[in-house]
Amino acid sequence: MKRIVVTLFLLLLMSGAASAQRDLKCHSVFEGKVVPGKQMVITEVRGNSMAAYKLDYYRGVNFQVDERLANQVAGLVEQDADAAAVKETEKVGGRLTYALIQPKSKGKTKRYLCFQARALEEGQWKITLLYLEGPASLEDLRSMFEKQ
């Protein structure tokens, strides 16, 4: 019985963080609706292990895609950047390659979206997309999420 209660509690916590990013255009990427989930490396961390980074929640996806999907993901990130009060973006040749975005907070929780796209071989892109929550400042994140 105790195990069931603990499991339900953990599921509620996880759904809370997932719902916090539902208002973002990029949410569909994290859910595997843009890039198939089997093509992504997904990392999700919460709790005390994130305290050193001044974060409460970290959800990241990495994947390699063709130019069409890279443009689609970058377009979603740009829509989130357009809706954010605080954003830093960089483009190379008209293509979004870097973004550090602070969407509107949910209550007292600061939220961040980080994006980086690197060209690999011709027509292939490596993309990293992160969703973060916690008391970290933009300066804290700049030092953690270095441009490559």
N, C-alpha and C. Protein backbone atom coordinates (compact mmCIF):
# COMPACT_ATOMS: atom_id res chain seq x y z
N MET A 1 0.82 -1.19 0.00
CA MET A 1 0.00 0.00 0.00
C MET A 1 0.87 1.26 0.00
N LYS A 2 1.92 1.22 0.82
CA LYS A 2 2.82 2.37 0.90
C LYS A 2 3.48 2.63 -0.46
N ARG A 3 3.84 1.57 -1.15
CA ARG A 3 4.48 1.69 -2.46
C ARG A 3 3.51 2.34 -3.46
N ILE A 4 2.25 1.99 -3.38
CA ILE A 4 1.25 2.55 -4.29
C ILE A 4 1.10 4.05 -4.03
N VAL A 5 1.05 4.45 -2.78
CA VAL A 5 0.92 5.87 -2.43
C VAL A 5 2.14 6.65 -2.93
N VAL A 6 3.32 6.11 -2.71
CA VAL A 6 4.55 6.78 -3.16
C VAL A 6 4.56 6.88 -4.69
N THR A 7 4.17 5.84 -5.37
CA THR A 7 4.13 5.84 -6.84
C THR A 7 3.15 6.89 -7.35
N LEU A 8 1.98 6.96 -6.75
CA LEU A 8 0.99 7.96 -7.16
C LEU A 8 1.51 9.38 -6.92
N PHE A 9 2.17 9.58 -5.80
CA PHE A 9 2.74 10.89 -5.49
C PHE A 9 3.78 11.29 -6.54
N LEU A 10 4.66 10.35 -6.89
CA LEU A 10 5.69 10.64 -7.91
C LEU A 10 5.06 10.94 -9.27
N LEU A 11 4.02 10.23 -9.62
CA LEU A 11 3.34 10.50 -10.88
C LEU A 11 2.71 11.89 -10.89
N LEU A 12 2.15 12.30 -9.77
CA LEU A 12 1.59 13.64 -9.67
C LEU A 12 2.66 14.71 -9.84
N LEU A 13 3.81 14.51 -9.23
CA LEU A 13 4.91 15.46 -9.36
C LEU A 13 5.37 15.56 -10.81
N MET A 14 5.52 14.42 -11.46
CA MET A 14 5.97 14.42 -12.85
C MET A 14 4.95 15.08 -13.77
N SER A 15 3.69 14.85 -13.54
CA SER A 15 2.67 15.45 -14.40
C SER A 15 2.61 16.96 -14.19
N GLY A 16 2.94 17.44 -13.00
CA GLY A 16 2.96 18.88 -12.74
C GLY A 16 3.99 19.58 -13.57
N ALA A 17 5.20 19.03 -13.65
CA ALA A 17 6.25 19.64 -14.46
C ALA A 17 5.92 19.54 -15.94
N ALA A 18 5.39 18.42 -16.36
CA ALA A 18 5.04 18.25 -17.76
C ALA A 18 3.94 19.23 -18.16
N SER A 19 2.99 19.46 -17.28
CA SER A 19 1.92 20.38 -17.62
C SER A 19 2.41 21.82 -17.67
N ALA A 20 3.48 22.13 -16.95
CA ALA A 20 4.02 23.48 -16.94
C ALA A 20 4.57 23.87 -18.30
N GLN A 21 4.98 22.90 -19.09
CA GLN A 21 5.52 23.23 -20.41
C GLN A 21 4.49 23.04 -21.52
N ARG A 22 3.29 22.64 -21.19
CA ARG A 22 2.25 22.42 -22.21
C ARG A 22 1.89 23.69 -22.96
N ASP A 23 2.06 24.84 -22.35
CA ASP A 23 1.71 26.09 -23.02
C ASP A 23 2.79 26.54 -24.00
N LEU A 24 3.88 25.80 -24.08
CA LEU A 24 4.96 26.13 -25.01
C LEU A 24 4.74 25.42 -26.34
N LYS A 25 5.09 26.08 -27.42
CA LYS A 25 5.00 25.47 -28.75
C LYS A 25 5.92 24.26 -28.85
N CYS A 26 7.04 24.29 -28.14
CA CYS A 26 8.02 23.19 -28.17
C CYS A 26 7.55 21.94 -27.44
N HIS A 27 6.46 22.02 -26.74
CA HIS A 27 5.98 20.87 -25.98
C HIS A 27 5.84 19.64 -26.87
N SER A 28 5.40 19.84 -28.11
CA SER A 28 5.21 18.71 -29.01
C SER A 28 6.53 18.01 -29.34
N VAL A 29 7.63 18.75 -29.30
CA VAL A 29 8.94 18.12 -29.53
C VAL A 29 9.27 17.20 -28.37
N PHE A 30 9.10 17.67 -27.15
CA PHE A 30 9.38 16.86 -25.96
C PHE A 30 8.50 15.61 -25.90
N GLU A 31 7.31 15.70 -26.46
CA GLU A 31 6.37 14.58 -26.44
C GLU A 31 6.60 13.59 -27.58
N GLY A 32 7.57 13.86 -28.44
CA GLY A 32 7.86 12.94 -29.55
C GLY A 32 6.89 13.06 -30.70
N LYS A 33 6.20 14.20 -30.81
CA LYS A 33 5.23 14.39 -31.88
C LYS A 33 5.83 15.05 -33.12
N VAL A 34 7.04 15.57 -33.01
CA VAL A 34 7.72 16.19 -34.15
C VAL A 34 8.82 15.26 -34.64
N VAL A 35 9.66 14.87 -33.71
CA VAL A 35 10.73 13.90 -33.98
C VAL A 35 10.33 12.63 -33.24
N PRO A 36 10.32 11.48 -33.92
CA PRO A 36 9.94 10.24 -33.23
C PRO A 36 10.80 10.00 -31.98
N GLY A 37 10.14 9.57 -30.91
CA GLY A 37 10.81 9.35 -29.64
C GLY A 37 12.00 8.41 -29.73
N LYS A 38 11.96 7.44 -30.63
CA LYS A 38 13.08 6.49 -30.74
C LYS A 38 14.33 7.15 -31.33
N GLN A 39 14.20 8.34 -31.94
CA GLN A 39 15.34 9.07 -32.48
C GLN A 39 15.95 10.01 -31.44
N MET A 40 15.29 10.17 -30.30
CA MET A 40 15.74 11.15 -29.31
C MET A 40 16.40 10.48 -28.11
N VAL A 41 17.37 11.19 -27.55
CA VAL A 41 17.90 10.84 -26.25
C VAL A 41 17.21 11.79 -25.28
N ILE A 42 16.46 11.22 -24.35
CA ILE A 42 15.64 12.02 -23.44
C ILE A 42 16.23 11.90 -22.03
N THR A 43 16.41 13.03 -21.38
CA THR A 43 16.91 13.06 -20.01
C THR A 43 15.95 13.89 -19.17
N GLU A 44 15.58 13.34 -18.02
CA GLU A 44 14.68 14.05 -17.11
C GLU A 44 15.20 13.86 -15.69
N VAL A 45 15.45 14.97 -15.02
CA VAL A 45 16.01 14.93 -13.67
C VAL A 45 15.28 15.95 -12.81
N ARG A 46 15.02 15.58 -11.59
CA ARG A 46 14.44 16.51 -10.63
C ARG A 46 14.98 16.19 -9.23
N GLY A 47 14.79 17.14 -8.33
CA GLY A 47 15.15 16.88 -6.93
C GLY A 47 16.51 17.42 -6.54
N ASN A 48 17.02 16.87 -5.45
CA ASN A 48 18.25 17.37 -4.83
C ASN A 48 19.46 17.34 -5.75
N SER A 49 19.51 16.42 -6.68
CA SER A 49 20.66 16.34 -7.57
C SER A 49 20.78 17.58 -8.46
N MET A 50 19.73 18.35 -8.58
CA MET A 50 19.74 19.55 -9.40
C MET A 50 20.05 20.82 -8.59
N ALA A 51 20.09 20.71 -7.28
CA ALA A 51 20.28 21.88 -6.42
C ALA A 51 21.58 22.62 -6.72
N ALA A 52 22.64 21.92 -7.05
CA ALA A 52 23.92 22.56 -7.34
C ALA A 52 23.82 23.48 -8.56
N TYR A 53 22.86 23.22 -9.42
CA TYR A 53 22.67 24.03 -10.63
C TYR A 53 21.56 25.08 -10.46
N LYS A 54 21.03 25.17 -9.25
CA LYS A 54 19.93 26.09 -8.93
C LYS A 54 18.69 25.76 -9.77
N LEU A 55 18.47 24.47 -9.96
CA LEU A 55 17.31 24.01 -10.71
C LEU A 55 16.54 22.99 -9.90
N ASP A 56 15.24 22.91 -10.18
CA ASP A 56 14.38 21.91 -9.56
C ASP A 56 14.02 20.81 -10.54
N TYR A 57 14.04 21.17 -11.84
CA TYR A 57 13.61 20.23 -12.86
C TYR A 57 14.38 20.47 -14.15
N TYR A 58 14.79 19.40 -14.78
CA TYR A 58 15.53 19.45 -16.04
C TYR A 58 14.94 18.40 -16.97
N ARG A 59 14.57 18.82 -18.15
CA ARG A 59 14.11 17.88 -19.18
C ARG A 59 14.80 18.25 -20.47
N GLY A 60 15.55 17.32 -21.00
CA GLY A 60 16.30 17.60 -22.21
C GLY A 60 16.11 16.53 -23.26
N VAL A 61 16.16 16.95 -24.52
CA VAL A 61 16.14 16.02 -25.63
C VAL A 61 17.26 16.40 -26.59
N ASN A 62 17.92 15.38 -27.10
CA ASN A 62 18.96 15.53 -28.12
C ASN A 62 18.57 14.64 -29.28
N PHE A 63 18.79 15.12 -30.48
CA PHE A 63 18.50 14.28 -31.64
C PHE A 63 19.21 14.83 -32.87
N GLN A 64 19.35 13.96 -33.84
CA GLN A 64 19.92 14.33 -35.13
C GLN A 64 18.81 14.20 -36.17
N VAL A 65 18.61 15.26 -36.96
CA VAL A 65 17.53 15.28 -37.94
C VAL A 65 17.98 15.90 -39.24
N ASP A 66 17.14 15.73 -40.26
CA ASP A 66 17.41 16.37 -41.55
C ASP A 66 17.03 17.85 -41.47
N GLU A 67 17.31 18.56 -42.53
CA GLU A 67 17.10 20.00 -42.55
C GLU A 67 15.62 20.38 -42.37
N ARG A 68 14.72 19.61 -42.95
CA ARG A 68 13.29 19.91 -42.85
C ARG A 68 12.82 19.88 -41.39
N LEU A 69 13.18 18.81 -40.66
CA LEU A 69 12.78 18.72 -39.25
C LEU A 69 13.52 19.75 -38.39
N ALA A 70 14.77 20.02 -38.72
CA ALA A 70 15.52 21.04 -37.98
C ALA A 70 14.82 22.39 -38.10
N ASN A 71 14.35 22.71 -39.30
CA ASN A 71 13.63 23.97 -39.51
C ASN A 71 12.31 23.98 -38.74
N GLN A 72 11.63 22.85 -38.70
CA GLN A 72 10.36 22.77 -37.99
C GLN A 72 10.56 23.00 -36.49
N VAL A 73 11.57 22.35 -35.90
CA VAL A 73 11.85 22.53 -34.48
C VAL A 73 12.27 23.97 -34.20
N ALA A 74 13.15 24.52 -35.03
CA ALA A 74 13.60 25.90 -34.85
C ALA A 74 12.41 26.86 -34.94
N GLY A 75 11.46 26.58 -35.82
CA GLY A 75 10.28 27.43 -35.93
C GLY A 75 9.44 27.43 -34.66
N LEU A 76 9.31 26.28 -34.04
CA LEU A 76 8.57 26.19 -32.77
C LEU A 76 9.28 26.99 -31.68
N VAL A 77 10.61 26.87 -31.63
CA VAL A 77 11.39 27.61 -30.64
C VAL A 77 11.24 29.11 -30.88
N GLU A 78 11.26 29.53 -32.13
CA GLU A 78 11.10 30.95 -32.43
C GLU A 78 9.73 31.47 -32.00
N GLN A 79 8.70 30.65 -32.13
CA GLN A 79 7.37 31.06 -31.67
C GLN A 79 7.36 31.25 -30.16
N ASP A 80 8.04 30.34 -29.43
CA ASP A 80 8.14 30.49 -27.98
C ASP A 80 8.95 31.73 -27.62
N ALA A 81 10.00 32.00 -28.38
CA ALA A 81 10.82 33.19 -28.13
C ALA A 81 10.00 34.46 -28.36
N ASP A 82 9.19 34.47 -29.42
CA ASP A 82 8.36 35.64 -29.71
C ASP A 82 7.37 35.94 -28.58
N ALA A 83 6.91 34.89 -27.89
CA ALA A 83 5.94 35.06 -26.81
C ALA A 83 6.59 35.35 -25.46
N ALA A 84 7.91 35.23 -25.37
CA ALA A 84 8.62 35.40 -24.10
C ALA A 84 9.01 36.85 -23.87
N ALA A 85 9.04 37.22 -22.60
CA ALA A 85 9.46 38.57 -22.23
C ALA A 85 10.97 38.70 -22.31
N VAL A 86 11.68 37.62 -22.00
CA VAL A 86 13.14 37.63 -21.98
C VAL A 86 13.64 36.55 -22.92
N LYS A 87 14.52 36.94 -23.85
CA LYS A 87 15.06 35.97 -24.79
C LYS A 87 16.39 36.44 -25.35
N GLU A 88 17.23 35.48 -25.67
CA GLU A 88 18.48 35.72 -26.39
C GLU A 88 18.48 34.70 -27.53
N THR A 89 18.66 35.18 -28.74
CA THR A 89 18.69 34.26 -29.87
C THR A 89 19.83 34.63 -30.80
N GLU A 90 20.32 33.63 -31.53
CA GLU A 90 21.33 33.85 -32.55
C GLU A 90 20.94 33.07 -33.79
N LYS A 91 21.18 33.70 -34.94
CA LYS A 91 20.92 33.04 -36.21
C LYS A 91 22.20 33.07 -37.04
N VAL A 92 22.37 32.02 -37.82
CA VAL A 92 23.47 31.96 -38.77
C VAL A 92 22.85 31.65 -40.12
N GLY A 93 23.06 32.55 -41.07
CA GLY A 93 22.47 32.36 -42.39
C GLY A 93 20.95 32.32 -42.36
N GLY A 94 20.34 33.09 -41.45
CA GLY A 94 18.89 33.13 -41.33
C GLY A 94 18.28 31.98 -40.55
N ARG A 95 19.11 31.04 -40.08
CA ARG A 95 18.62 29.86 -39.34
C ARG A 95 18.92 30.04 -37.85
N LEU A 96 17.91 29.81 -37.02
CA LEU A 96 18.09 29.87 -35.57
C LEU A 96 19.06 28.76 -35.15
N THR A 97 20.13 29.15 -34.45
CA THR A 97 21.11 28.17 -33.99
C THR A 97 21.25 28.14 -32.47
N TYR A 98 20.77 29.20 -31.81
CA TYR A 98 20.91 29.28 -30.35
C TYR A 98 19.76 30.11 -29.80
N ALA A 99 19.21 29.67 -28.68
CA ALA A 99 18.19 30.45 -28.00
C ALA A 99 18.23 30.14 -26.51
N LEU A 100 18.12 31.17 -25.72
CA LEU A 100 17.95 31.08 -24.27
C LEU A 100 16.72 31.93 -23.98
N ILE A 101 15.64 31.27 -23.59
CA ILE A 101 14.33 31.92 -23.48
C ILE A 101 13.80 31.75 -22.07
N GLN A 102 13.21 32.81 -21.53
CA GLN A 102 12.53 32.72 -20.25
C GLN A 102 11.04 32.98 -20.48
N PRO A 103 10.26 31.89 -20.65
CA PRO A 103 8.80 32.07 -20.80
C PRO A 103 8.22 32.65 -19.51
N LYS A 104 6.99 33.08 -19.60
CA LYS A 104 6.32 33.59 -18.40
C LYS A 104 6.36 32.53 -17.30
N SER A 105 6.60 33.00 -16.08
CA SER A 105 6.68 32.08 -14.94
C SER A 105 5.31 31.53 -14.60
N LYS A 106 5.34 30.34 -14.02
CA LYS A 106 4.12 29.72 -13.47
C LYS A 106 4.21 29.90 -11.97
N GLY A 107 3.51 30.89 -11.44
CA GLY A 107 3.60 31.19 -10.02
C GLY A 107 4.99 31.73 -9.71
N LYS A 108 5.63 31.15 -8.70
CA LYS A 108 6.96 31.59 -8.30
C LYS A 108 8.07 30.88 -9.06
N THR A 109 7.71 29.89 -9.86
CA THR A 109 8.70 29.08 -10.54
C THR A 109 9.19 29.75 -11.81
N LYS A 110 10.51 29.95 -11.90
CA LYS A 110 11.10 30.46 -13.14
C LYS A 110 11.23 29.30 -14.11
N ARG A 111 10.96 29.58 -15.38
CA ARG A 111 11.04 28.55 -16.42
C ARG A 111 11.99 29.04 -17.51
N TYR A 112 12.68 28.10 -18.13
CA TYR A 112 13.60 28.43 -19.20
C TYR A 112 13.52 27.40 -20.31
N LEU A 113 13.77 27.84 -21.51
CA LEU A 113 13.87 26.97 -22.67
C LEU A 113 15.19 27.29 -23.34
N CYS A 114 16.00 26.26 -23.55
CA CYS A 114 17.31 26.44 -24.19
C CYS A 114 17.35 25.60 -25.47
N PHE A 115 17.91 26.16 -26.51
CA PHE A 115 17.96 25.50 -27.82
C PHE A 115 19.32 25.71 -28.44
N GLN A 116 19.83 24.66 -29.05
CA GLN A 116 21.06 24.79 -29.81
C GLN A 116 21.00 23.83 -31.00
N ALA A 117 21.36 24.33 -32.18
CA ALA A 117 21.39 23.52 -33.39
C ALA A 117 22.77 23.65 -34.01
N ARG A 118 23.37 22.51 -34.31
CA ARG A 118 24.69 22.50 -34.96
C ARG A 118 24.61 21.70 -36.25
N ALA A 119 25.19 22.27 -37.28
CA ALA A 119 25.25 21.56 -38.55
C ALA A 119 26.27 20.43 -38.43
N LEU A 120 25.89 19.27 -38.93
CA LEU A 120 26.81 18.13 -38.97
C LEU A 120 27.24 17.97 -40.42
N GLU A 121 27.06 16.81 -40.96
CA GLU A 121 27.33 16.65 -42.38
C GLU A 121 26.22 17.34 -43.16
N GLU A 122 26.39 17.46 -44.45
CA GLU A 122 25.45 18.20 -45.26
C GLU A 122 24.00 17.73 -45.07
N GLY A 123 23.15 18.68 -44.71
CA GLY A 123 21.73 18.38 -44.56
C GLY A 123 21.33 17.75 -43.24
N GLN A 124 22.27 17.53 -42.33
CA GLN A 124 21.98 16.92 -41.03
C GLN A 124 22.28 17.92 -39.92
N TRP A 125 21.45 17.90 -38.90
CA TRP A 125 21.59 18.82 -37.77
C TRP A 125 21.50 18.06 -36.46
N LYS A 126 22.32 18.47 -35.50
CA LYS A 126 22.22 17.96 -34.13
C LYS A 126 21.55 19.04 -33.31
N ILE A 127 20.46 18.67 -32.65
CA ILE A 127 19.69 19.65 -31.89
C ILE A 127 19.61 19.22 -30.43
N THR A 128 19.78 20.20 -29.56
CA THR A 128 19.60 20.03 -28.13
C THR A 128 18.51 21.01 -27.71
N LEU A 129 17.52 20.50 -27.00
CA LEU A 129 16.42 21.33 -26.52
C LEU A 129 16.20 21.00 -25.05
N LEU A 130 16.24 22.02 -24.20
CA LEU A 130 16.10 21.84 -22.76
C LEU A 130 14.94 22.66 -22.22
N TYR A 131 14.22 22.08 -21.27
CA TYR A 131 13.21 22.81 -20.50
C TYR A 131 13.67 22.73 -19.05
N LEU A 132 13.78 23.89 -18.38
CA LEU A 132 14.30 23.95 -17.02
C LEU A 132 13.35 24.73 -16.12
N GLU A 133 13.31 24.34 -14.86
CA GLU A 133 12.57 25.09 -13.85
C GLU A 133 13.44 25.23 -12.62
N GLY A 134 13.35 26.38 -11.97
CA GLY A 134 14.08 26.57 -10.72
C GLY A 134 14.47 28.02 -10.52
N PRO A 135 15.17 28.29 -9.42
CA PRO A 135 15.52 29.67 -9.09
C PRO A 135 16.74 30.21 -9.84
N ALA A 136 17.33 29.45 -10.74
CA ALA A 136 18.51 29.90 -11.47
C ALA A 136 18.22 31.20 -12.23
N SER A 137 19.25 32.02 -12.37
CA SER A 137 19.13 33.26 -13.14
C SER A 137 19.56 33.00 -14.58
N LEU A 138 19.31 33.95 -15.44
CA LEU A 138 19.78 33.82 -16.82
C LEU A 138 21.30 33.71 -16.87
N GLU A 139 21.98 34.44 -16.01
CA GLU A 139 23.44 34.37 -15.98
C GLU A 139 23.92 32.98 -15.57
N ASP A 140 23.24 32.37 -14.60
CA ASP A 140 23.57 30.99 -14.22
C ASP A 140 23.46 30.06 -15.43
N LEU A 141 22.39 30.22 -16.17
CA LEU A 141 22.15 29.36 -17.33
C LEU A 141 23.13 29.62 -18.46
N ARG A 142 23.51 30.88 -18.66
CA ARG A 142 24.49 31.19 -19.71
C ARG A 142 25.79 30.42 -19.48
N SER A 143 26.19 30.32 -18.21
CA SER A 143 27.44 29.62 -17.92
C SER A 143 27.28 28.11 -18.05
N MET A 144 26.08 27.57 -17.84
CA MET A 144 25.84 26.13 -17.95
C MET A 144 25.63 25.70 -19.39
N PHE A 145 24.94 26.52 -20.17
CA PHE A 145 24.53 26.15 -21.53
C PHE A 145 25.42 26.90 -22.51
N GLU A 146 26.66 26.44 -22.65
CA GLU A 146 27.62 27.12 -23.50
C GLU A 146 27.35 26.85 -24.97
N LYS A 147 27.53 27.91 -25.76
CA LYS A 147 27.38 27.75 -27.20
C LYS A 147 28.54 26.96 -27.75
N GLN A 148 28.25 26.12 -28.76
CA GLN A 148 29.31 25.32 -29.39
C GLN A 148 29.57 25.80 -30.79
